[in-house]
C-alpha atoms as a PDB file:
ATOM      1  CA  UNK A   1      -0.025  -0.657   0.306  1.00  0.00           C
ATOM      2  CA  UNK A   2       0.899   3.826  -1.219  1.00  0.00           C
ATOM      3  CA  UNK A   3      -0.137   6.367   1.168  1.00  0.00           C
ATOM      4  CA  UNK A   4       1.334   9.696  -1.060  1.00  0.00           C
ATOM      5  CA  UNK A   5       0.154  14.026   0.315  1.00  0.00           C
ATOM      6  CA  UNK A   6       1.792  17.213   0.237  1.00  0.00           C
ATOM      7  CA  UNK A   7       1.851  16.561   4.202  1.00  0.00           C
ATOM      8  CA  UNK A   8       5.248  15.468   6.304  1.00  0.00           C
ATOM      9  CA  UNK A   9       2.088  16.233   9.642  1.00  0.00           C
ATOM     10  CA  UNK A  10      -0.230  14.118   7.270  1.00  0.00           C
ATOM     11  CA  UNK A  11       2.179  11.262   6.621  1.00  0.00           C
ATOM     12  CA  UNK A  12       2.582  11.479  10.660  1.00  0.00           C
ATOM     13  CA  UNK A  13      -0.624  11.055  11.590  1.00  0.00           C
ATOM     14  CA  UNK A  14      -0.966   8.038   9.321  1.00  0.00           C
ATOM     15  CA  UNK A  15       2.335   6.587  10.884  1.00  0.00           C
ATOM     16  CA  UNK A  16       0.834   7.299  14.358  1.00  0.00           C
ATOM     17  CA  UNK A  17      -2.905   4.445  13.592  1.00  0.00           C
ATOM     18  CA  UNK A  18      -0.374   2.291  11.478  1.00  0.00           C
ATOM     19  CA  UNK A  19       1.454   2.053  14.785  1.00  0.00           C
ATOM     20  CA  UNK A  20      -1.632   1.820  16.472  1.00  0.00           C
ATOM     21  CA  UNK A  21      -2.272  -1.148  14.394  1.00  0.00           C
ATOM     22  CA  UNK A  22       0.506  -3.163  14.318  1.00  0.00           C
ATOM     23  CA  UNK A  23       1.241  -2.776  10.732  1.00  0.00           C
ATOM     24  CA  UNK A  24       5.902  -2.063   9.491  1.00  0.00           C
ATOM     25  CA  UNK A  25       5.361   1.336   6.876  1.00  0.00           C
ATOM     26  CA  UNK A  26       8.344   3.200   6.144  1.00  0.00           C
ATOM     27  CA  UNK A  27       8.831   7.081   5.259  1.00  0.00           C
ATOM     28  CA  UNK A  28       9.812   8.818   2.225  1.00  0.00           C
ATOM     29  CA  UNK A  29      10.608  12.705   2.707  1.00  0.00           C
ATOM     30  CA  UNK A  30      12.614  14.988   2.783  1.00  0.00           C
ATOM     31  CA  UNK A  31      14.469  13.890   5.220  1.00  0.00           C
ATOM     32  CA  UNK A  32      15.066  11.050   4.280  1.00  0.00           C
ATOM     33  CA  UNK A  33      19.171  10.720   1.921  1.00  0.00           C
ATOM     34  CA  UNK A  34      18.711   9.420  -1.830  1.00  0.00           C
ATOM     35  CA  UNK A  35      20.416   5.287  -0.144  1.00  0.00           C
ATOM     36  CA  UNK A  36      18.146   5.546   2.436  1.00  0.00           C
ATOM     37  CA  UNK A  37      14.986   5.814   0.299  1.00  0.00           C
ATOM     38  CA  UNK A  38      17.139   3.224  -2.662  1.00  0.00           C
ATOM     39  CA  UNK A  39      16.722   1.387   0.370  1.00  0.00           C
ATOM     40  CA  UNK A  40      13.581   1.629   1.949  1.00  0.00           C
ATOM     41  CA  UNK A  41      12.263   1.157  -2.013  1.00  0.00           C
ATOM     42  CA  UNK A  42      14.099  -1.885  -2.196  1.00  0.00           C
ATOM     43  CA  UNK A  43      12.792  -3.301   1.202  1.00  0.00           C
ATOM     44  CA  UNK A  44       9.027  -1.864  -0.102  1.00  0.00           C
ATOM     45  CA  UNK A  45       8.892  -3.850  -3.845  1.00  0.00           C
ATOM     46  CA  UNK A  46      11.119  -7.459  -2.804  1.00  0.00           C
ATOM     47  CA  UNK A  47      10.246  -8.316   0.556  1.00  0.00           C
ATOM     48  CA  UNK A  48       7.085  -9.478   1.347  1.00  0.00           C
ATOM     49  CA  UNK A  49       7.505 -10.286   5.237  1.00  0.00           C
ATOM     50  CA  UNK A  50       8.968  -6.494   5.131  1.00  0.00           C
ATOM     51  CA  UNK A  51       7.201  -3.125   4.894  1.00  0.00           C
ATOM     52  CA  UNK A  52       3.208  -3.381   4.280  1.00  0.00           C
ATOM     53  CA  UNK A  53       2.842   0.459   3.812  1.00  0.00           C
ATOM     54  CA  UNK A  54       4.570   3.024   2.947  1.00  0.00           C
ATOM     55  CA  UNK A  55       4.302   7.383   3.064  1.00  0.00           C
ATOM     56  CA  UNK A  56       5.284   9.359   0.278  1.00  0.00           C
ATOM     57  CA  UNK A  57       5.549  12.923   1.036  1.00  0.00           C
ATOM     58  CA  UNK A  58       4.829  14.671  -2.273  1.00  0.00           C
ATOM     59  CA  UNK A  59       7.913  16.251  -3.906  1.00  0.00           C
ATOM     60  CA  UNK A  60      10.672  13.572  -1.715  1.00  0.00           C
ATOM     61  CA  UNK A  61       8.502  10.756  -4.116  1.00  0.00           C
ATOM     62  CA  UNK A  62       7.892  12.528  -7.451  1.00  0.00           C
ATOM     63  CA  UNK A  63      10.233  11.373  -8.963  1.00  0.00           C
ATOM     64  CA  UNK A  64      12.617   8.574 -10.133  1.00  0.00           C
ATOM     65  CA  UNK A  65      10.626   5.490  -7.647  1.00  0.00           C
ATOM     66  CA  UNK A  66       9.764   2.197  -8.946  1.00  0.00           C
ATOM     67  CA  UNK A  67       7.132   0.859  -5.856  1.00  0.00           C
ATOM     68  CA  UNK A  68       5.342  -2.349  -7.453  1.00  0.00           C
ATOM     69  CA  UNK A  69       4.897  -3.645  -4.205  1.00  0.00           C
ATOM     70  CA  UNK A  70       1.875  -1.924  -3.551  1.00  0.00           C
ATOM     71  CA  UNK A  71      -0.724  -2.462  -5.668  1.00  0.00           C
ATOM     72  CA  UNK A  72      -3.573   0.117  -3.373  1.00  0.00           C
ATOM     73  CA  UNK A  73      -2.494   3.637  -3.991  1.00  0.00           C
ATOM     74  CA  UNK A  74      -3.877   6.787  -1.804  1.00  0.00           C
ATOM     75  CA  UNK A  75      -3.859  10.494  -2.433  1.00  0.00           C
ATOM     76  CA  UNK A  76      -4.536  11.908   0.804  1.00  0.00           C
ATOM     77  CA  UNK A  77      -4.481  15.255  -1.003  1.00  0.00           C
ATOM     78  CA  UNK A  78      -3.894  16.303  -4.248  1.00  0.00           C
ATOM     79  CA  UNK A  79      -2.007  19.651  -5.275  1.00  0.00           C
ATOM     80  CA  UNK A  80      -3.033  19.961  -8.588  1.00  0.00           C
ATOM     81  CA  UNK A  81      -6.408  20.100 -10.374  1.00  0.00           C
ATOM     82  CA  UNK A  82      -7.828  17.350 -12.937  1.00  0.00           C
ATOM     83  CA  UNK A  83      -7.826  18.001 -15.938  1.00  0.00           C
ATOM     84  CA  UNK A  84      -9.453  17.022 -18.395  1.00  0.00           C
ATOM     85  CA  UNK A  85      -8.112  13.969 -20.868  1.00  0.00           C
ATOM     86  CA  UNK A  86      -5.896  13.014 -17.843  1.00  0.00           C
ATOM     87  CA  UNK A  87      -5.070   9.396 -14.972  1.00  0.00           C
ATOM     88  CA  UNK A  88      -6.892  11.739 -13.065  1.00  0.00           C
ATOM     89  CA  UNK A  89      -9.651  12.305 -14.733  1.00  0.00           C
ATOM     90  CA  UNK A  90      -9.984   9.143 -15.574  1.00  0.00           C
ATOM     91  CA  UNK A  91      -9.897   7.811 -11.904  1.00  0.00           C
ATOM     92  CA  UNK A  92     -12.480  10.035 -10.910  1.00  0.00           C
ATOM     93  CA  UNK A  93     -14.799   8.644 -13.297  1.00  0.00           C
ATOM     94  CA  UNK A  94     -14.109   5.994 -11.983  1.00  0.00           C
ATOM     95  CA  UNK A  95     -14.484   6.290  -8.428  1.00  0.00           C
ATOM     96  CA  UNK A  96     -17.357   8.260  -9.097  1.00  0.00           C
ATOM     97  CA  UNK A  97     -19.345   5.185 -11.250  1.00  0.00           C
ATOM     98  CA  UNK A  98     -18.298   2.775  -8.951  1.00  0.00           C
ATOM     99  CA  UNK A  99     -20.176   5.269  -5.189  1.00  0.00           C
ATOM    100  CA  UNK A 100     -23.210   5.308  -8.251  1.00  0.00           C
ATOM    101  CA  UNK A 101     -22.963   1.484  -8.369  1.00  0.00           C
ATOM    102  CA  UNK A 102     -22.272   0.930  -4.235  1.00  0.00           C
ATOM    103  CA  UNK A 103     -25.339   2.573  -3.483  1.00  0.00           C
ATOM    104  CA  UNK A 104     -27.711   1.009  -6.380  1.00  0.00           C
ATOM    105  CA  UNK A 105     -26.748  -1.956  -5.081  1.00  0.00           C
ATOM    106  CA  UNK A 106     -27.309  -1.540  -0.981  1.00  0.00           C
ATOM    107  CA  UNK A 107     -30.483  -0.353  -1.925  1.00  0.00           C
ATOM    108  CA  UNK A 108     -31.766  -2.542  -3.993  1.00  0.00           C
ATOM    109  CA  UNK A 109     -32.062  -0.377  -7.389  1.00  0.00           C
ATOM    110  CA  UNK A 110     -28.775  -2.287  -9.234  1.00  0.00           C
END
């Protein structure tokens, strides 16, 4: 699982809750040097018993990270507008469609 925020303070809050749940996690932000960053990513991608959640600040993780170890991505906040014809627009459309489908199923109309 990959959690991304532009606010390191938000990542710290998420980390507190992950600790309470006993989930192993790592953080990549501006305080992590490039060598440590690559070590964290390497473990996340290749060690199934290692880090389960990686917390990434948007600026520190914006370039050069290949996070194939994650199967879920949570964008806690977006610092850009969703533009027409982008991946973000498609994700937003899928989210809307899934919410509508869930409402229909739960209300017995779907």
